[in-house]
Each structure stands twice: as C-alpha cells, then as structure tokens.
Protein backbone atom coordinates (compact mmCIF):
# COMPACT_ATOMS: atom_id res chain seq x y z
CA MET A 1 -44.55 161.47 14.75
CA LYS A 2 -46.79 158.42 14.78
CA ILE A 3 -47.95 156.39 17.81
CA LEU A 4 -48.88 152.77 16.90
CA PHE A 5 -50.95 150.44 19.19
CA ASN A 6 -50.54 146.65 19.07
CA PRO A 7 -53.47 144.94 20.90
CA SER A 8 -51.71 141.61 21.31
CA ARG A 9 -48.73 143.20 23.23
CA LYS A 10 -50.79 145.85 25.04
CA SER A 11 -48.07 148.46 24.46
CA ALA A 12 -47.39 151.46 22.24
CA THR A 13 -44.32 152.28 20.16
CA VAL A 14 -43.07 155.74 19.20
CA ASP A 15 -41.73 156.29 15.71
CA LEU A 16 -39.29 159.30 16.08
CA PRO A 17 -38.25 161.46 13.18
CA GLU A 18 -34.88 160.55 11.62
CA TRP A 19 -33.48 164.09 12.00
CA ARG A 20 -33.72 163.94 15.79
CA SER A 21 -31.60 160.83 16.05
CA ARG A 22 -29.06 162.41 13.78
CA LEU A 23 -29.01 165.54 15.97
CA VAL A 24 -28.30 163.50 19.10
CA LEU A 25 -25.58 161.58 17.31
CA GLY A 26 -24.02 164.88 16.15
CA PHE A 27 -23.98 166.25 19.70
CA LEU A 28 -22.28 163.07 20.93
CA LEU A 29 -19.68 163.26 18.17
CA ILE A 30 -18.95 166.93 18.95
CA PHE A 31 -18.60 166.14 22.67
CA LEU A 32 -16.23 163.29 21.83
CA VAL A 33 -14.11 165.56 19.62
CA VAL A 34 -13.95 168.16 22.42
CA LEU A 35 -12.75 165.48 24.86
CA VAL A 36 -10.12 164.25 22.40
CA VAL A 37 -8.87 167.80 21.72
CA ARG A 38 -8.74 168.55 25.44
CA ALA A 39 -6.89 165.31 26.13
CA VAL A 40 -4.38 166.05 23.36
CA TYR A 41 -3.94 169.59 24.69
CA LEU A 42 -3.31 168.48 28.27
CA GLN A 43 -1.24 165.38 27.47
CA ALA A 44 0.91 166.80 24.67
CA LEU A 45 0.73 170.57 24.47
CA ASN A 46 0.28 171.63 28.11
CA LYS A 47 1.49 168.66 30.09
CA ASP A 48 3.65 170.73 32.47
CA PHE A 49 0.61 171.86 34.43
CA LEU A 50 -0.56 168.31 35.14
CA GLN A 51 2.93 167.21 36.02
CA GLN A 52 3.31 170.11 38.44
CA GLN A 53 0.00 169.31 40.05
CA GLY A 54 0.97 165.69 40.45
CA GLN A 55 4.45 166.41 41.69
CA SER A 56 3.12 168.91 44.23
CA ARG A 57 1.58 165.96 46.07
CA TYR A 58 4.96 164.37 46.77
CA LEU A 59 7.83 166.47 45.30
CA ARG A 60 9.35 169.24 47.43
CA VAL A 61 12.17 171.77 47.08
CA ILE A 62 14.03 172.23 50.35
CA GLU A 63 16.72 174.73 51.26
CA GLN A 64 20.18 173.63 52.34
CA ASN A 65 21.86 176.01 54.78
CA SER A 66 25.38 177.00 53.84
CA GLN A 67 28.18 176.73 56.36
CA ARG A 68 29.47 179.99 57.78
CA GLY A 69 33.18 180.62 57.31
CA SER A 70 35.52 180.04 60.25
CA ILE A 71 37.50 182.71 62.07
CA LYS A 72 41.12 181.79 62.79
CA ASP A 73 44.10 183.39 64.47
CA ARG A 74 47.28 184.24 62.60
CA ASN A 75 48.65 180.72 63.13
CA GLY A 76 45.54 178.93 61.89
CA GLU A 77 44.05 178.14 65.29
CA ILE A 78 40.24 178.13 65.11
CA LEU A 79 38.53 180.87 67.12
CA ALA A 80 35.00 180.47 65.72
CA ILE A 81 33.52 177.55 63.79
CA SER A 82 30.07 176.35 62.71
CA ALA A 83 29.01 172.84 63.75
CA PRO A 84 26.07 170.99 62.11
CA VAL A 85 22.91 170.73 64.23
CA LYS A 86 19.18 170.23 63.61
CA SER A 87 16.14 172.22 64.62
CA VAL A 88 12.86 170.52 65.48
CA TRP A 89 9.63 172.09 64.20
CA ILE A 90 6.02 171.07 63.84
CA ASP A 91 2.95 171.82 61.72
CA PRO A 92 0.26 172.15 64.43
CA GLN A 93 -2.50 171.65 61.86
CA THR A 94 -1.27 168.24 60.76
CA ILE A 95 0.60 166.87 63.78
CA THR A 96 -0.63 163.66 65.34
CA VAL A 97 0.95 162.98 68.71
CA THR A 98 0.12 160.99 71.82
CA PRO A 99 0.62 162.12 75.44
CA GLN A 100 3.41 159.54 75.75
CA GLN A 101 5.19 161.01 72.71
CA ILE A 102 4.87 164.53 74.15
CA LYS A 103 6.55 163.32 77.31
CA GLN A 104 9.35 161.72 75.29
CA LEU A 105 9.79 164.93 73.29
CA ALA A 106 10.01 166.98 76.47
CA ASN A 107 12.79 164.73 77.80
CA LEU A 108 14.76 164.70 74.56
CA LEU A 109 14.48 168.43 73.90
CA ASP A 110 14.61 169.61 77.51
CA VAL A 111 11.40 171.55 76.97
CA ASN A 112 8.45 171.69 79.34
CA GLU A 113 5.52 169.43 78.35
CA THR A 114 3.08 172.29 78.83
CA ALA A 115 5.09 174.47 76.46
CA ILE A 116 5.03 171.75 73.81
CA GLN A 117 1.27 171.33 74.17
CA GLU A 118 0.74 175.10 73.85
CA ARG A 119 2.68 175.14 70.58
CA ILE A 120 0.70 172.17 69.27
CA ASN A 121 -2.51 174.06 70.05
CA SER A 122 -1.32 177.29 68.46
CA GLY A 123 -3.14 176.64 65.18
CA LYS A 124 -0.20 177.89 63.11
CA ARG A 125 1.47 176.08 60.23
CA PHE A 126 5.06 176.39 61.48
CA VAL A 127 6.31 176.36 65.07
CA TYR A 128 9.79 175.55 66.41
CA LEU A 129 9.97 173.15 69.33
CA LYS A 130 13.73 173.52 69.80
CA ARG A 131 16.49 175.19 67.81
CA GLN A 132 19.99 173.83 67.31
CA VAL A 133 19.59 170.33 68.72
CA PRO A 134 22.69 168.06 68.62
CA PRO A 135 22.44 165.56 65.74
CA GLU A 136 22.43 162.46 67.93
CA ARG A 137 19.52 163.79 69.99
CA ALA A 138 17.65 164.94 66.88
CA ASP A 139 17.93 161.41 65.48
CA LYS A 140 16.19 160.07 68.58
CA VAL A 141 13.40 162.60 68.03
CA ALA A 142 13.04 161.38 64.45
CA GLU A 143 12.72 157.78 65.69
CA LEU A 144 9.46 158.72 67.44
CA ASN A 145 7.82 158.80 63.94
CA ILE A 146 5.45 161.65 64.79
CA LYS A 147 3.33 162.82 61.89
CA GLY A 148 3.66 166.60 61.40
CA LEU A 149 7.06 166.84 63.15
CA TYR A 150 10.09 167.75 61.05
CA LEU A 151 13.83 168.30 61.34
CA LYS A 152 15.70 171.19 59.75
CA HIS A 153 19.46 171.15 59.13
CA GLU A 154 21.24 174.18 60.61
CA PHE A 155 24.60 175.22 62.04
CA TYR A 156 25.60 176.21 65.56
CA ARG A 157 28.36 178.79 66.03
CA TYR A 158 30.95 177.59 68.52
CA TYR A 159 33.79 179.57 70.10
CA PRO A 160 36.54 177.30 71.49
CA SER A 161 38.38 180.15 73.24
CA ARG A 162 35.23 181.25 75.11
CA GLU A 163 35.93 184.48 77.07
CA LEU A 164 39.51 184.93 75.90
CA ALA A 165 38.71 186.54 72.53
CA ALA A 166 35.00 187.20 72.99
CA HIS A 167 35.24 190.98 72.57
CA ILE A 168 37.15 190.59 69.31
CA LEU A 169 34.99 187.87 67.77
CA GLY A 170 31.59 189.01 68.97
CA PHE A 171 28.82 186.46 68.33
CA THR A 172 25.99 185.47 66.01
CA ASP A 173 22.28 185.12 66.61
CA VAL A 174 20.45 181.80 66.42
CA ASP A 175 20.06 182.20 62.66
CA GLY A 176 23.81 182.64 62.15
CA ARG A 177 23.86 186.41 61.55
CA GLY A 178 26.70 188.40 63.10
CA GLN A 179 25.63 190.62 65.99
CA GLU A 180 28.87 192.02 67.40
CA GLY A 181 32.61 192.18 66.77
CA MET A 182 34.27 190.61 63.77
CA GLU A 183 31.23 188.38 63.23
CA LEU A 184 29.28 191.55 62.41
CA ALA A 185 32.10 193.46 60.70
CA TRP A 186 32.78 190.60 58.25
CA GLN A 187 29.23 189.29 57.96
CA ASP A 188 29.17 189.46 54.15
CA VAL A 189 32.44 187.53 53.82
CA LEU A 190 31.65 184.87 56.41
CA THR A 191 28.13 184.23 55.12
CA GLY A 192 27.80 181.69 52.31
CA GLU A 193 25.04 181.05 49.78
CA ASP A 194 22.26 178.63 50.68
CA GLY A 195 21.58 175.70 48.34
CA LYS A 196 18.38 174.02 47.10
CA ARG A 197 17.56 170.39 46.33
CA ARG A 198 14.49 168.52 45.12
CA VAL A 199 13.25 165.55 47.17
CA ILE A 200 10.31 163.17 47.34
CA LYS A 201 8.45 163.04 50.64
CA ASP A 202 5.92 160.51 51.87
CA ARG A 203 2.51 161.39 53.28
CA ILE A 204 3.91 162.21 56.75
CA GLY A 205 6.64 164.45 55.40
CA ARG A 206 9.64 162.13 55.54
CA ILE A 207 12.19 162.31 52.72
CA VAL A 208 12.17 159.02 50.86
CA GLU A 209 14.26 159.95 47.84
CA ASN A 210 16.66 162.69 46.68
CA VAL A 211 15.67 163.68 43.15
CA GLY A 212 18.45 166.14 42.40
CA GLN A 213 20.43 169.23 43.36
CA ILE A 214 19.06 172.55 42.12
CA GLN A 215 21.68 174.82 43.66
CA THR A 216 24.74 173.65 45.55
CA PRO A 217 25.30 175.45 48.88
CA LYS A 218 28.42 177.61 48.94
CA SER A 219 30.26 177.94 52.24
CA GLY A 220 31.37 181.33 53.51
CA GLN A 221 35.00 182.40 53.38
CA ASP A 222 37.32 182.04 56.36
CA VAL A 223 38.66 185.16 58.05
CA ILE A 224 42.25 185.11 59.31
CA LEU A 225 42.84 187.51 62.19
CA SER A 226 46.11 189.13 63.20
CA ILE A 227 45.56 187.87 66.76
CA ASP A 228 48.10 185.48 68.24
CA SER A 229 46.13 183.12 70.51
CA LYS A 230 49.05 182.53 72.87
CA ILE A 231 49.64 186.24 73.42
CA GLN A 232 45.87 186.76 73.65
CA TYR A 233 45.64 184.16 76.43
CA LEU A 234 48.50 185.75 78.33
CA ALA A 235 47.02 189.25 77.98
CA TYR A 236 43.57 188.17 79.15
CA ARG A 237 44.93 186.18 82.08
CA GLU A 238 47.11 188.99 83.42
CA LEU A 239 44.43 191.63 82.87
CA ALA A 240 41.85 189.58 84.77
CA ARG A 241 44.36 189.04 87.56
CA ALA A 242 45.07 192.78 87.83
CA VAL A 243 41.38 193.79 87.83
CA LYS A 244 40.66 191.33 90.62
CA GLU A 245 43.73 192.24 92.68
CA GLN A 246 43.07 195.97 92.39
CA GLN A 247 39.33 195.50 92.99
CA ALA A 248 38.74 197.55 89.86
CA LYS A 249 35.57 198.14 87.89
CA ALA A 250 37.07 196.93 84.61
CA GLY A 251 40.25 196.78 82.56
CA SER A 252 41.46 196.66 78.96
CA ILE A 253 44.67 195.74 77.14
CA VAL A 254 45.82 195.88 73.52
CA ALA A 255 49.10 194.92 71.85
CA LEU A 256 50.28 195.92 68.36
CA ASP A 257 53.07 194.64 66.16
CA ALA A 258 55.22 197.75 65.74
CA LYS A 259 56.42 196.61 62.30
CA THR A 260 53.15 195.65 60.63
CA GLY A 261 50.47 197.47 62.61
CA GLU A 262 48.70 194.18 63.36
CA VAL A 263 46.72 193.75 66.57
CA LEU A 264 48.36 190.80 68.32
CA ALA A 265 46.08 190.80 71.37
CA MET A 266 43.06 192.74 72.60
CA ALA A 267 41.16 191.86 75.74
CA ASN A 268 38.71 193.29 78.26
CA TYR A 269 37.65 192.21 81.72
CA PRO A 270 34.93 191.48 82.79
CA ALA A 271 34.26 189.33 79.74
CA PHE A 272 31.52 186.98 78.54
CA ASN A 273 31.22 183.51 77.07
CA PRO A 274 29.78 183.80 73.52
CA ASN A 275 28.69 180.14 73.73
CA GLN A 276 26.23 181.08 76.50
CA ARG A 277 24.07 183.92 75.27
CA SER A 278 22.10 184.03 78.50
CA SER A 279 25.18 185.45 80.27
CA MET A 280 25.40 188.48 77.96
CA ASN A 281 24.40 192.06 78.68
CA ASN A 282 25.33 195.43 77.25
CA GLN A 283 27.93 196.05 79.93
CA VAL A 284 30.03 192.94 79.34
CA ILE A 285 29.78 192.64 75.54
CA ARG A 286 31.18 196.14 74.97
CA ASN A 287 34.72 196.13 73.56
CA ARG A 288 36.13 198.84 75.81
CA VAL A 289 39.41 199.04 73.87
CA LEU A 290 37.60 200.53 70.88
CA VAL A 291 34.21 201.67 72.12
CA ASP A 292 34.97 203.39 75.44
CA THR A 293 36.83 206.69 75.74
CA PHE A 294 38.62 208.20 78.71
CA GLU A 295 40.97 211.04 79.60
CA PRO A 296 44.45 209.56 79.08
CA GLY A 297 46.27 211.50 81.77
CA SER A 298 50.04 211.69 81.66
CA THR A 299 50.33 209.19 78.79
CA LEU A 300 49.63 212.22 76.54
CA LYS A 301 52.67 214.19 77.71
CA PRO A 302 55.04 212.73 75.07
CA PHE A 303 52.90 214.29 72.33
CA ALA A 304 53.20 217.80 73.79
CA ILE A 305 56.95 217.28 74.18
CA ALA A 306 57.24 215.92 70.62
CA VAL A 307 55.65 218.95 68.97
CA ALA A 308 57.76 221.31 71.09
CA LEU A 309 60.90 219.45 69.97
CA GLU A 310 59.72 219.35 66.36
CA THR A 311 59.11 223.10 66.23
CA GLY A 312 62.36 223.95 68.02
CA ARG A 313 60.73 225.46 71.12
CA VAL A 314 62.77 223.17 73.39
CA LYS A 315 65.52 220.56 73.35
CA ALA A 316 65.86 217.44 75.45
CA ASN A 317 68.16 219.24 77.91
CA THR A 318 66.21 222.52 78.11
CA LEU A 319 65.57 223.40 81.76
CA MET A 320 61.99 223.92 82.95
CA ASP A 321 61.31 225.62 86.27
CA THR A 322 58.75 223.61 88.26
CA ALA A 323 59.82 225.09 91.61
CA GLY A 324 57.11 224.96 94.22
CA GLY A 325 55.32 222.12 92.41
CA SER A 326 52.42 224.33 91.34
CA MET A 327 51.45 226.79 88.63
CA ARG A 328 48.52 229.22 88.57
CA ILE A 329 46.62 229.98 85.37
CA GLY A 330 43.78 232.41 86.06
CA ARG A 331 41.84 230.97 88.97
CA ALA A 332 43.03 227.41 88.33
CA VAL A 333 46.13 225.80 89.86
CA ILE A 334 48.14 222.98 88.25
CA ARG A 335 50.07 220.86 90.72
CA ASP A 336 52.67 218.10 90.90
CA VAL A 337 52.56 215.61 93.76
CA ARG A 338 55.73 217.24 95.12
CA ASP A 339 58.16 220.02 94.38
CA LYS A 340 60.55 218.73 91.72
CA GLY A 341 62.59 221.90 91.22
CA ASN A 342 64.26 222.57 87.87
CA LEU A 343 63.84 219.74 85.39
CA THR A 344 65.12 219.12 81.91
CA VAL A 345 62.53 218.30 79.26
CA SER A 346 63.65 214.66 79.50
CA GLN A 347 63.08 214.72 83.26
CA VAL A 348 59.61 216.21 82.75
CA ILE A 349 58.74 212.91 81.07
CA GLN A 350 60.78 210.80 83.47
CA THR A 351 59.16 212.21 86.62
CA SER A 352 55.84 213.00 84.93
CA SER A 353 55.68 216.67 85.92
CA ASN A 354 52.35 218.31 85.20
CA VAL A 355 53.78 221.75 85.73
CA GLY A 356 56.65 221.13 83.33
CA ALA A 357 54.36 219.70 80.64
CA ALA A 358 51.90 222.59 81.00
CA LYS A 359 54.65 225.19 80.59
CA ILE A 360 55.91 223.46 77.46
CA ALA A 361 52.38 223.28 76.00
CA LEU A 362 51.82 226.99 76.60
CA MET A 363 54.92 227.74 74.47
CA LEU A 364 53.04 226.40 71.45
CA PRO A 365 50.47 228.11 69.25
CA PRO A 366 47.13 226.34 69.90
CA LYS A 367 46.81 225.43 66.22
CA THR A 368 50.26 223.78 66.20
CA PHE A 369 49.48 221.70 69.28
CA TRP A 370 46.06 220.72 67.88
CA GLU A 371 47.56 219.68 64.55
CA MET A 372 50.03 217.41 66.34
CA LEU A 373 47.24 215.68 68.26
CA ASN A 374 45.03 215.45 65.18
CA ARG A 375 47.78 213.99 62.99
CA SER A 376 48.53 211.50 65.77
CA GLY A 377 45.07 210.03 65.25
CA PHE A 378 43.15 211.58 68.15
CA GLY A 379 39.61 212.74 67.49
CA ALA A 380 39.08 210.25 64.63
CA GLU A 381 38.44 206.52 64.26
CA THR A 382 41.50 204.34 63.80
CA GLY A 383 40.15 202.71 60.64
CA VAL A 384 40.36 199.21 62.07
CA GLY A 385 36.79 198.60 60.86
CA PHE A 386 35.31 197.49 64.18
CA PRO A 387 31.57 198.11 64.70
CA GLY A 388 30.78 200.93 67.10
CA GLU A 389 34.33 202.27 67.30
CA ALA A 390 34.53 205.62 69.12
CA SER A 391 36.32 208.61 67.64
CA GLY A 392 37.01 210.29 70.96
CA GLN A 393 36.92 214.05 71.44
CA LEU A 394 39.49 216.65 70.38
CA ARG A 395 37.97 220.10 70.60
CA ALA A 396 38.75 222.74 67.98
CA TYR A 397 41.83 224.78 68.91
CA ASN A 398 40.07 228.13 68.40
CA LYS A 399 37.89 227.30 71.41
CA TRP A 400 40.76 226.53 73.78
CA ARG A 401 41.39 228.70 76.80
CA PRO A 402 44.94 228.86 78.20
CA ILE A 403 44.03 226.53 81.08
CA GLU A 404 42.59 224.01 78.62
CA GLN A 405 45.72 224.06 76.48
CA ALA A 406 47.81 223.56 79.59
CA THR A 407 45.78 220.63 80.95
CA MET A 408 45.62 219.07 77.48
CA SER A 409 49.38 218.49 77.77
CA TYR A 410 48.80 215.96 80.55
CA GLY A 411 45.65 214.40 79.15
CA HIS A 412 42.77 216.36 80.63
CA GLY A 413 40.17 217.94 78.37
CA ILE A 414 40.61 215.32 75.66
CA SER A 415 39.06 211.85 75.39
CA VAL A 416 40.63 208.91 73.57
CA SER A 417 40.12 205.19 73.15
CA LEU A 418 42.82 202.79 74.25
CA MET A 419 43.28 201.78 70.60
CA GLN A 420 43.88 205.39 69.58
CA LEU A 421 46.42 205.75 72.36
CA VAL A 422 48.44 202.64 71.51
CA ARG A 423 48.38 203.57 67.84
CA GLY A 424 49.60 207.08 68.66
CA TYR A 425 52.66 205.61 70.38
CA SER A 426 53.65 204.03 67.07
CA LEU A 427 55.14 207.47 66.33
CA PHE A 428 57.79 206.90 68.96
CA ALA A 429 58.27 203.19 68.30
CA THR A 430 59.08 203.93 64.65
CA ASP A 431 60.81 206.85 63.02
CA GLY A 432 57.84 209.15 63.39
CA GLU A 433 55.24 207.20 61.38
CA LEU A 434 51.62 206.74 62.43
CA LYS A 435 51.00 203.11 61.52
CA PRO A 436 47.71 201.94 60.00
CA ILE A 437 46.40 199.16 62.23
CA THR A 438 44.46 196.04 61.35
CA LEU A 439 42.72 193.09 62.99
CA LEU A 440 43.42 190.96 59.92
CA LYS A 441 46.67 189.13 59.29
CA ARG A 442 49.09 191.25 57.29
CA ASP A 443 52.12 189.66 55.66
CA THR A 444 54.10 192.80 54.87
CA PRO A 445 55.12 195.82 56.99
CA ALA A 446 52.65 198.68 56.87
CA ILE A 447 53.65 202.05 55.48
CA GLY A 448 52.57 204.76 57.90
CA GLN A 449 51.93 208.48 57.64
CA LYS A 450 54.89 210.67 58.53
CA VAL A 451 53.96 212.88 61.50
CA ILE A 452 57.28 213.84 63.12
CA SER A 453 60.91 213.58 62.10
CA PRO A 454 63.02 210.51 62.94
CA GLU A 455 65.18 212.70 65.19
CA THR A 456 62.18 213.85 67.24
CA ALA A 457 60.82 210.29 67.48
CA GLN A 458 64.17 208.93 68.68
CA SER A 459 64.56 211.76 71.19
CA VAL A 460 61.15 211.08 72.73
CA ARG A 461 61.90 207.35 72.73
CA LYS A 462 64.98 207.99 74.90
CA MET A 463 62.86 210.04 77.30
CA LEU A 464 60.34 207.22 77.52
CA GLU A 465 63.20 204.85 78.35
CA LEU A 466 64.16 207.14 81.24
CA ALA A 467 60.57 207.00 82.51
CA VAL A 468 60.98 203.24 83.02
CA GLN A 469 64.28 203.51 84.88
CA PRO A 470 64.42 203.27 88.70
CA GLU A 471 64.07 207.06 89.01
CA GLY A 472 61.06 207.14 86.68
CA THR A 473 57.37 206.63 87.32
CA GLY A 474 57.19 203.46 85.19
CA ASN A 475 59.80 201.37 86.99
CA GLY A 476 57.22 198.59 87.41
CA ALA A 477 57.16 198.04 83.64
CA ARG A 478 60.79 196.94 83.38
CA ILE A 479 61.61 193.52 81.89
CA ASN A 480 64.67 191.42 82.56
CA GLY A 481 66.80 191.28 79.41
CA TYR A 482 64.92 193.93 77.43
CA ARG A 483 65.07 197.70 77.27
CA VAL A 484 61.59 199.17 77.75
CA ALA A 485 60.18 202.59 76.89
CA GLY A 486 56.84 203.80 78.14
CA LYS A 487 54.73 206.25 80.09
CA THR A 488 52.39 205.98 83.03
CA GLY A 489 49.06 207.75 83.33
CA THR A 490 46.83 208.53 86.29
CA ALA A 491 43.70 210.61 85.76
CA HIS A 492 40.70 211.46 87.88
CA LYS A 493 37.48 210.21 86.31
CA ARG A 494 35.03 212.78 85.04
CA LEU A 495 31.67 212.89 86.77
CA GLU A 496 29.00 211.44 84.49
CA LYS A 497 26.02 213.66 85.29
CA GLN A 498 27.73 216.87 86.35
CA LYS A 499 30.80 218.95 85.65
CA GLY A 500 34.12 218.25 87.29
CA TYR A 501 36.02 215.18 88.42
CA ALA A 502 35.52 212.54 91.07
CA SER A 503 38.06 212.95 93.86
CA ASP A 504 38.32 209.24 94.66
CA ARG A 505 37.92 207.52 91.26
CA TYR A 506 40.80 207.08 88.82
CA ILE A 507 41.83 205.72 85.44
CA SER A 508 45.26 204.07 85.74
CA SER A 509 47.16 203.37 82.54
CA PHE A 510 50.49 202.53 80.97
CA VAL A 511 51.57 202.66 77.32
CA GLY A 512 54.96 201.47 76.11
CA PHE A 513 56.98 199.32 73.75
CA ALA A 514 59.93 196.94 73.71
CA PRO A 515 62.68 196.25 72.96
CA ALA A 516 63.45 199.97 72.95
CA SER A 517 66.48 199.50 70.68
CA ASP A 518 64.28 198.07 67.90
CA PRO A 519 60.61 198.09 69.01
CA ARG A 520 58.60 195.00 68.13
CA ILE A 521 55.47 195.27 70.31
CA ILE A 522 53.53 198.34 71.43
CA MET A 523 51.16 197.76 74.35
CA ALA A 524 48.60 199.78 76.31
CA ILE A 525 46.84 198.86 79.57
CA MET A 526 43.99 200.71 81.26
CA ILE A 527 42.53 199.85 84.68
CA ASP A 528 39.19 201.52 85.44
CA GLU A 529 38.59 202.60 89.04
CA PRO A 530 41.13 200.57 91.03
CA SER A 531 40.03 200.51 94.67
CA GLY A 532 42.50 198.19 96.32
CA GLY A 533 44.48 201.00 97.92
CA ARG A 534 46.64 201.87 94.88
CA TYR A 535 45.72 203.93 91.87
CA TYR A 536 48.89 205.25 90.21
CA GLY A 537 49.51 203.94 86.71
CA GLY A 538 53.04 202.94 87.70
CA THR A 539 51.84 200.60 90.44
CA VAL A 540 48.56 199.36 88.92
CA ALA A 541 49.03 199.15 85.14
CA ALA A 542 52.81 199.03 84.61
CA PRO A 543 53.28 195.58 86.24
CA VAL A 544 50.65 194.14 83.87
CA PHE A 545 52.64 195.53 80.95
CA SER A 546 55.81 193.92 82.29
CA ARG A 547 54.34 190.44 82.64
CA VAL A 548 52.50 190.39 79.30
CA MET A 549 55.27 192.05 77.31
CA GLU A 550 57.94 189.70 78.65
CA GLY A 551 55.90 186.63 77.74
CA ALA A 552 54.98 188.00 74.31
CA LEU A 553 58.59 188.86 73.39
CA ARG A 554 59.73 185.38 74.36
CA MET A 555 56.90 183.78 72.35
CA LEU A 556 58.01 185.74 69.29
CA ASN A 557 61.68 184.86 69.92
CA VAL A 558 62.69 188.52 70.02
CA PRO A 559 66.41 188.80 70.91
CA PHE A 560 67.49 190.43 74.17
CA ASP A 561 68.81 193.98 73.92
CA ASP A 562 69.80 194.42 77.58
CA SER A 563 71.86 192.52 80.12
CA LEU A 564 70.06 190.07 82.38
CA GLY A 565 69.69 190.42 86.13
CA ASN A 566 69.79 194.22 86.31
CA LEU A 567 66.35 195.04 87.65
CA VAL A 568 66.24 197.39 90.61
CA THR A 569 63.14 198.28 92.57
CA SER A 570 62.68 201.97 93.26
CA PRO A 571 60.84 203.19 96.36
CA VAL A 572 59.27 206.01 94.31
CA SER A 573 58.09 203.75 91.54
CA GLY A 574 54.73 204.81 90.15
CA VAL A 575 54.59 208.27 91.71
CA GLU A 576 53.74 210.93 89.16
CA GLY A 577 52.11 214.31 88.78
CA LYS A 578 48.39 213.58 88.95
CA GLY A 579 46.88 215.15 85.87
C-alpha cells in the first residue's frame, strides 16, 4: 500500500490493493444471492407461512353454534324449542370504554355498573357481561361501538308449557346441555354439530366480511314424545287441585295407553317453571312418578289374588273367613277397619279386606308369590330410560317371615314407584301381558311379556270392576258412560329415621283403567300426606282419577261402554282395610 502526498491540495490519497476491492465486491455479491434465494424461498416455496402471518392480523375462524333439536308431543305441539339469542363478552385487556358507556351497558343488560367495572378490571382475556341477551337488545349494545366488546351467537331453551310438563322435559344449562328429564336422557340426539366460518375483522374486532364456510352447523334431531298435551294439561290441573284441597305434601299422576304402552301424561305437584332456573331446587325438580318409591298399600292386593287364581289355590267365589276383622300372626295383628264376616275372593278385592288378602297370600309358597311380583315388574326399573329412575325394593323370598308375606299382600314391606305400579296393572287391562312402556311416540301396539293367563287377567278385571261399584271402596272413581275397574290404596308412611310407621301420615292412591270392557287408558294417582281431614284412597285419589280419565277418554273419542246417568253415591265410599 502506498500513501502519496500532493502539496498543492494539502491532502493524502490511499492506493488500496486490488484484491481487497474484489473481496468486498464478492461479499456483496454473496449477500445479494442469499437475499434473492431467501426471497424466492419465502415468496414461492414457503409462502404459506407469510400468508398465515398476514391473515392472522385480520382473518379469524369463528364457531357457529348449532341449534338444539325441539321436543314435541305426539301431535306435533312444541314442548321445548331453542330461540336465537346473543351473549355479550369483553376482552378486559383491550376494552376501551367511557363511564357513560358503562352506564348505558348497565341499563341495556340489567347488570350493576359496579359489577361491569369489576369485570373490566379483572385483567383476563375473556369475561361474559351477560349471557343469552335478546337479539334486539344485543343490537343496541353493538351500536355503542365499544372497542373490546363482542357479541356471541347462542340459543336459549324455551318451554312454552312451563310447569305442565316440566318433570318430563327437564331443562338445560346455560350452555344448552341437558341437566334433567328427557333433555338429559336424549342429549346426544338433541345436540347438533357446531359449524365454523372464516371472517375478516377490523381492528376493533367487528366482522367486516364473510370469507367462507369451513363447516356448516348441523341442527340436532327433534324428539317426539308419547305425551298428549291436552291430557297432560288436564292431569296436571286436577292433580294440583287435589293436592291443594287435601292440603297434601305432594302428588303424582301417570296415564298409559293400554294398547301401545305409551305414556300419555305424567305430572307432579308441586312443580317448577323450567324457564326460570332461580325457582328450582332438588325438591321440586324430582320426577316423583319415576324417582320416588312408596309402599303401595291395598293397590297390591290384585297381584296376590292373581297368583292364587293362577295356581288354583282359590277361585273368584271361594269363601274367606275374615270374621272378627283381625288376624294374629305371631305377636303381630292384621286388622280390617271393621268386621266383614265371610267374603268371597272377589269381595276381598271389592271391600279391600286386609285379613282376606293376608290369608290368601299365606296359601302360597313364598317363591311363587315372589315370582309373581318380580314378573310384574316390581323390584326392577321399567326400562323407560328416564334418568334417576328408581327400581324399588322387593326383598328375596328366602328372607320372608310369615308376617312379611302376609303384609306384602296388601302392600307393606315392598316399595314401588308409581310408574311400576301403573305398568303392573297392564296385566289386568290386557290378557295378562306386562306391557313395555315408553315416553316416545309409538305407532304400533307393543307386544308384552306373558305373566298370567287371559282367564286370570279377566277374572281379576271383573273384581276390580266390583271395587268401583257403590259397595266398593273405589266408588269415587266411577265415570258416567264408562265402565271402570280399579283399586284404592291407603298406607301409613314409613318413618324416615327409625323403624315403624307414622300413625298420622298416609299415602293415598288409586290405580285403574277404562273402559273396562276394552281398556284404553291405565292411570295411577298418588297423594302424599293428605291433611285436610280425609286420607283414604277412595276419597282422596279416586275422584282425581274420575275427572282426568273422563276427560281423557272423551279427548280420544273412546266409545261409551255403559249407560249414562247411572252413578250412585255410596255412603261407605273409600272405606277400606288400612294396610
């Protein structure tokens, strides 16, 4: 390297070696090639990454909630439906809102201003201000143009019938998941598949353009129930009336189609409004027809009589000595309310004699009696598919003592649900078949399991008709123009925390069917702890049966099978052997 000095210019020049300039030029060329290769790689070979990074600034994939399937009655009337609503949420880390806007939000959403401010200060990335806001109100919220506030499309589950079918339908939670009843039982069918779509949002999160559908939302399937809304309304109305009049703790009613095994009505009182979740508690949401069990009392007597007839131990006209109205077994005494003398087997049912029923039961081998009760559906779920259904209690026959076998004949020492009881009576309403029951609409008659012979079923049916005549305990269940068959039940309630029974608390019930000549509807009513001065099943539950059954038969246009204007009131109506 040479340094030259020029005196006239008073400056020095540096003469660099040629190889150094070439080296610098080479480095520049290499750097340029690297940039070109990188540009080609990103723009042509790996462009998806850059596109994704760019799109992430404005392109979003949002979920589209699917609509839950409706629940309808057998005639297509809607019992549960999902209505579109919007939920309001915020991103506390990006929201920009003025005190005036907070006040407007509080008014529109009916939320306290302090609560809104606390959520804004939460420091989270996602906080709901209000779920399930009506669309028109949500639109007003959107008009406030608040940065960091968003709307989410959802559905609100609405029940037009409110309390009437609440225990059948159940309800969903705020996210649309079934929590009770048929909403829970058929959750997988009712629930659809959520969709996805790609949209372009502006800097404050508003959708400015729909780019395209990724996955179309698929609505859930509808569920068609066997319930008839008109009969359901009638059943609920009359049950509520009876519970109030009798000052009872609660009541339940269920009606089956004797031909198809379909549940036409099922109601409980007290009830709840599924549209108002704040009114719910564990006591009122329980479907007592299926979940609660009780000792059925004298409504179980036809089953003891049926097995005795089936095995040839007795005939309908066999005389039973009930003289004195009491019977001692060991240290225990079984009593009727009065001395009824000698009774035929038919009269044992008609007058509801505990002594007569106990004597008939003791004629049977324990295993034979147990098999009859077991094959009649007691001690097992009905198979209706309702969440939380109780199986009741039917103790093993090898553990029975004589007194237990005797009291079992009139419904003590066994626990059943009202659904089990009404299903069991399908034996007598048909030619001895135990019908499979369903809460879903069924278009064809159900084929049941043969339990007793047609002759035995018809014989017991005639006895049950006698029980509803003026001399029987179920006179209050009679219907003008229709022949009725049925049985009353009155049982002391078991003490909850100790052995024995309460002396002043009862379960009053009635189970029957009509028209007796060709049964169409089977119905059971249970009134829990009536305290209005009456407690016999014939005076508390039977009149409910009469009113609901008459209306239901007329709604279904069932022909009369008896002459009109022949009802007679009996002074002994409803009096039976307390079991």
